[in-house]
Every structure is written in structure tokens, then in C-alpha cells.
Amino acid sequence: QEHLVESGGGLVQAGGSLRLSCEASGGTSSNFGMNWFRQAPGKGREFVASINANGDTTLIGDSVKGRFAISRDNASTKNTVYLQMSSLKPEDTAVYYCSGRGLWGQGTQVTVSS
């Protein structure tokens, strides 16, 4: 059964960088559009970024624009999508989820210390 798995979260100091990965496995190898969302403690889920199947169209959420970038490796058979996060702020602390084709990953925790 197809599922999504995120990785790359962790603890980082403000101003630092992290790269999250999301792999789709257990399904077809065809590419599909994928998204990143995040949810901070006590808050709703917030859109972060999206990328289309070809990787030539991206959308970045206003709160992270200029600091985060989304990309994908279309040479991979696992629909791997990345979220490069730079100039991290304490308010970026959240569980980050990837989604696509109606699926959601289990999330990966990102904690930014001040």
C-alpha cells in the first residue's frame, strides 16, 4: 500500500537550516504533485509549499517565502520531495507533514531554538 514517509527533522538554532525529505513508496512510480504542511502546538495546519508532478511549478506559503524552497528528484522512483528550510525562526517550530495523492505522512518534528 502506498504511503509517505518524512525524514530530516530535528533541533536547530535560530538562523540555521534543515532539509526535510518525503518519499512515497509502496505504490506506482508515476510522479504526482506533493505538498508540505506544518502544525505548531495549539494551532491549525498551515500550508508551507507545493510542487507539481513535473517539478516545474512551485508555490510557497507567505510565512516562509524567501526562506524555504521545495524541490523534487524526478529521477527517483519514490517521488522524493524536499523542503529546504533556511534562516529558521523559533516560530517555524512545528510538525511538518507531506501530502500527495490523498495521502499524508506521519510527520517530522522541527524545533528551532532561540
C-alpha atoms as a PDB file:
ATOM      1  CA  GLN A   1       0.000   0.000   0.000  1.00  0.00           C
ATOM      2  CA  GLU A   2       1.327   3.402  -0.943  1.00  0.00           C
ATOM      3  CA  HIS A   3       2.431   5.653   1.875  1.00  0.00           C
ATOM      4  CA  LEU A   4       4.511   8.753   2.512  1.00  0.00           C
ATOM      5  CA  VAL A   5       7.454   8.949   4.885  1.00  0.00           C
ATOM      6  CA  GLU A   6       9.058  12.177   6.037  1.00  0.00           C
ATOM      7  CA  SER A   7      12.558  12.499   7.450  1.00  0.00           C
ATOM      8  CA  GLY A   8      15.132  15.148   8.271  1.00  0.00           C
ATOM      9  CA  GLY A   9      13.519  16.922  11.182  1.00  0.00           C
ATOM     10  CA  GLY A  10      15.398  17.810  14.331  1.00  0.00           C
ATOM     11  CA  LEU A  11      16.578  20.554  16.656  1.00  0.00           C
ATOM     12  CA  VAL A  12      18.322  23.562  15.170  1.00  0.00           C
ATOM     13  CA  GLN A  13      19.274  27.018  16.392  1.00  0.00           C
ATOM     14  CA  ALA A  14      17.586  30.104  15.026  1.00  0.00           C
ATOM     15  CA  GLY A  15      19.200  31.135  11.766  1.00  0.00           C
ATOM     16  CA  GLY A  16      20.111  27.577  10.915  1.00  0.00           C
ATOM     17  CA  SER A  17      18.971  25.289   8.122  1.00  0.00           C
ATOM     18  CA  LEU A  18      17.379  21.892   7.706  1.00  0.00           C
ATOM     19  CA  ARG A  19      16.321  19.827   4.744  1.00  0.00           C
ATOM     20  CA  LEU A  20      13.266  17.627   5.009  1.00  0.00           C
ATOM     21  CA  SER A  21      12.622  14.707   2.694  1.00  0.00           C
ATOM     22  CA  CYS A  22       9.421  12.931   1.798  1.00  0.00           C
ATOM     23  CA  GLU A  23       9.379   9.627  -0.009  1.00  0.00           C
ATOM     24  CA  ALA A  24       6.377   7.853  -1.480  1.00  0.00           C
ATOM     25  CA  SER A  25       6.703   4.104  -1.506  1.00  0.00           C
ATOM     26  CA  GLY A  26       4.605   1.037  -1.964  1.00  0.00           C
ATOM     27  CA  GLY A  27       2.734   2.362  -4.979  1.00  0.00           C
ATOM     28  CA  THR A  28       3.230   3.266  -8.612  1.00  0.00           C
ATOM     29  CA  SER A  29       6.314   5.069  -9.748  1.00  0.00           C
ATOM     30  CA  SER A  30       4.385   7.782 -11.535  1.00  0.00           C
ATOM     31  CA  ASN A  31       5.029  11.266 -10.220  1.00  0.00           C
ATOM     32  CA  PHE A  32       2.304  13.311  -8.596  1.00  0.00           C
ATOM     33  CA  GLY A  33       2.024  16.726  -7.024  1.00  0.00           C
ATOM     34  CA  MET A  34       3.102  16.946  -3.407  1.00  0.00           C
ATOM     35  CA  ASN A  35       2.746  19.421  -0.597  1.00  0.00           C
ATOM     36  CA  TRP A  36       4.243  20.344   2.726  1.00  0.00           C
ATOM     37  CA  PHE A  37       2.126  21.486   5.637  1.00  0.00           C
ATOM     38  CA  ARG A  38       3.020  22.167   9.243  1.00  0.00           C
ATOM     39  CA  GLN A  39       1.212  22.272  12.545  1.00  0.00           C
ATOM     40  CA  ALA A  40       2.534  24.105  15.561  1.00  0.00           C
ATOM     41  CA  PRO A  41       1.342  23.267  19.082  1.00  0.00           C
ATOM     42  CA  GLY A  42      -2.145  24.626  19.661  1.00  0.00           C
ATOM     43  CA  LYS A  43      -2.524  25.833  16.071  1.00  0.00           C
ATOM     44  CA  GLY A  44      -4.173  24.599  12.922  1.00  0.00           C
ATOM     45  CA  ARG A  45      -2.427  23.020   9.988  1.00  0.00           C
ATOM     46  CA  GLU A  46      -0.684  25.593   7.802  1.00  0.00           C
ATOM     47  CA  PHE A  47       0.250  25.310   4.139  1.00  0.00           C
ATOM     48  CA  VAL A  48       4.003  25.577   3.557  1.00  0.00           C
ATOM     49  CA  ALA A  49       4.778  24.653  -0.042  1.00  0.00           C
ATOM     50  CA  SER A  50       3.689  22.598  -3.015  1.00  0.00           C
ATOM     51  CA  ILE A  51       5.229  21.274  -6.193  1.00  0.00           C
ATOM     52  CA  ASN A  52       3.635  19.771  -9.268  1.00  0.00           C
ATOM     53  CA  ALA A  53       4.409  16.384 -10.768  1.00  0.00           C
ATOM     54  CA  ASN A  54       6.950  17.735 -13.247  1.00  0.00           C
ATOM     55  CA  GLY A  55       8.679  19.855 -10.660  1.00  0.00           C
ATOM     56  CA  ASP A  56       8.438  22.980 -12.795  1.00  0.00           C
ATOM     57  CA  THR A  57       5.764  24.730 -10.775  1.00  0.00           C
ATOM     58  CA  THR A  58       6.058  25.517  -7.085  1.00  0.00           C
ATOM     59  CA  LEU A  59       4.093  27.533  -4.587  1.00  0.00           C
ATOM     60  CA  ILE A  60       5.487  28.797  -1.298  1.00  0.00           C
ATOM     61  CA  GLY A  61       3.426  29.955   1.650  1.00  0.00           C
ATOM     62  CA  ASP A  62       3.635  33.606   2.609  1.00  0.00           C
ATOM     63  CA  SER A  63       5.027  32.948   6.080  1.00  0.00           C
ATOM     64  CA  VAL A  64       8.081  31.129   4.713  1.00  0.00           C
ATOM     65  CA  LYS A  65       8.551  32.821   1.354  1.00  0.00           C
ATOM     66  CA  GLY A  66      12.176  33.719   0.718  1.00  0.00           C
ATOM     67  CA  ARG A  67      13.411  31.246   3.339  1.00  0.00           C
ATOM     68  CA  PHE A  68      12.028  27.865   2.264  1.00  0.00           C
ATOM     69  CA  ALA A  69      12.253  26.100  -1.077  1.00  0.00           C
ATOM     70  CA  ILE A  70      10.607  22.932  -2.378  1.00  0.00           C
ATOM     71  CA  SER A  71      12.131  20.631  -4.963  1.00  0.00           C
ATOM     72  CA  ARG A  72      11.854  17.065  -6.133  1.00  0.00           C
ATOM     73  CA  ASP A  73      14.024  14.333  -7.529  1.00  0.00           C
ATOM     74  CA  ASN A  74      12.228  13.008 -10.579  1.00  0.00           C
ATOM     75  CA  ALA A  75      14.998  10.554 -11.274  1.00  0.00           C
ATOM     76  CA  SER A  76      13.895   8.727  -8.176  1.00  0.00           C
ATOM     77  CA  THR A  77      11.167   6.097  -8.401  1.00  0.00           C
ATOM     78  CA  LYS A  78       9.935   7.094  -4.962  1.00  0.00           C
ATOM     79  CA  ASN A  79       8.574  10.558  -5.750  1.00  0.00           C
ATOM     80  CA  THR A  80      11.066  12.113  -3.360  1.00  0.00           C
ATOM     81  CA  VAL A  81      10.298  15.709  -2.480  1.00  0.00           C
ATOM     82  CA  TYR A  82      12.481  18.010  -0.417  1.00  0.00           C
ATOM     83  CA  LEU A  83      11.843  21.061   1.692  1.00  0.00           C
ATOM     84  CA  GLN A  84      14.954  23.178   2.156  1.00  0.00           C
ATOM     85  CA  MET A  85      14.485  25.438   5.156  1.00  0.00           C
ATOM     86  CA  SER A  86      16.882  28.299   5.793  1.00  0.00           C
ATOM     87  CA  SER A  87      17.044  31.241   8.195  1.00  0.00           C
ATOM     88  CA  LEU A  88      14.876  29.269  10.576  1.00  0.00           C
ATOM     89  CA  LYS A  89      12.985  31.085  13.300  1.00  0.00           C
ATOM     90  CA  PRO A  90      11.515  29.808  16.575  1.00  0.00           C
ATOM     91  CA  GLU A  91       8.047  30.300  15.062  1.00  0.00           C
ATOM     92  CA  ASP A  92       8.921  27.667  12.454  1.00  0.00           C
ATOM     93  CA  THR A  93       8.770  25.069  15.222  1.00  0.00           C
ATOM     94  CA  ALA A  94       6.106  22.559  14.216  1.00  0.00           C
ATOM     95  CA  VAL A  95       5.426  19.061  12.998  1.00  0.00           C
ATOM     96  CA  TYR A  96       5.942  19.066   9.246  1.00  0.00           C
ATOM     97  CA  TYR A  97       3.818  16.811   7.067  1.00  0.00           C
ATOM     98  CA  CYS A  98       3.985  15.943   3.418  1.00  0.00           C
ATOM     99  CA  SER A  99       0.899  15.043   1.435  1.00  0.00           C
ATOM    100  CA  GLY A 100       0.016  13.944  -2.053  1.00  0.00           C
ATOM    101  CA  ARG A 101      -2.493  11.832  -3.935  1.00  0.00           C
ATOM    102  CA  GLY A 102      -4.749  11.959  -0.895  1.00  0.00           C
ATOM    103  CA  LEU A 103      -2.057  10.542   1.381  1.00  0.00           C
ATOM    104  CA  TRP A 104      -0.408  12.054   4.440  1.00  0.00           C
ATOM    105  CA  GLY A 105       2.843  11.148   6.106  1.00  0.00           C
ATOM    106  CA  GLN A 106       3.279  10.688   9.831  1.00  0.00           C
ATOM    107  CA  GLY A 107       5.086  13.998  10.232  1.00  0.00           C
ATOM    108  CA  THR A 108       8.558  15.007  11.344  1.00  0.00           C
ATOM    109  CA  GLN A 109       9.263  17.374  14.218  1.00  0.00           C
ATOM    110  CA  VAL A 110      11.239  20.552  13.609  1.00  0.00           C
ATOM    111  CA  THR A 111      12.269  22.535  16.673  1.00  0.00           C
ATOM    112  CA  VAL A 112      14.023  25.875  16.355  1.00  0.00           C
ATOM    113  CA  SER A 113      15.654  27.222  19.498  1.00  0.00           C
ATOM    114  CA  SER A 114      16.185  30.918  20.085  1.00  0.00           C
END
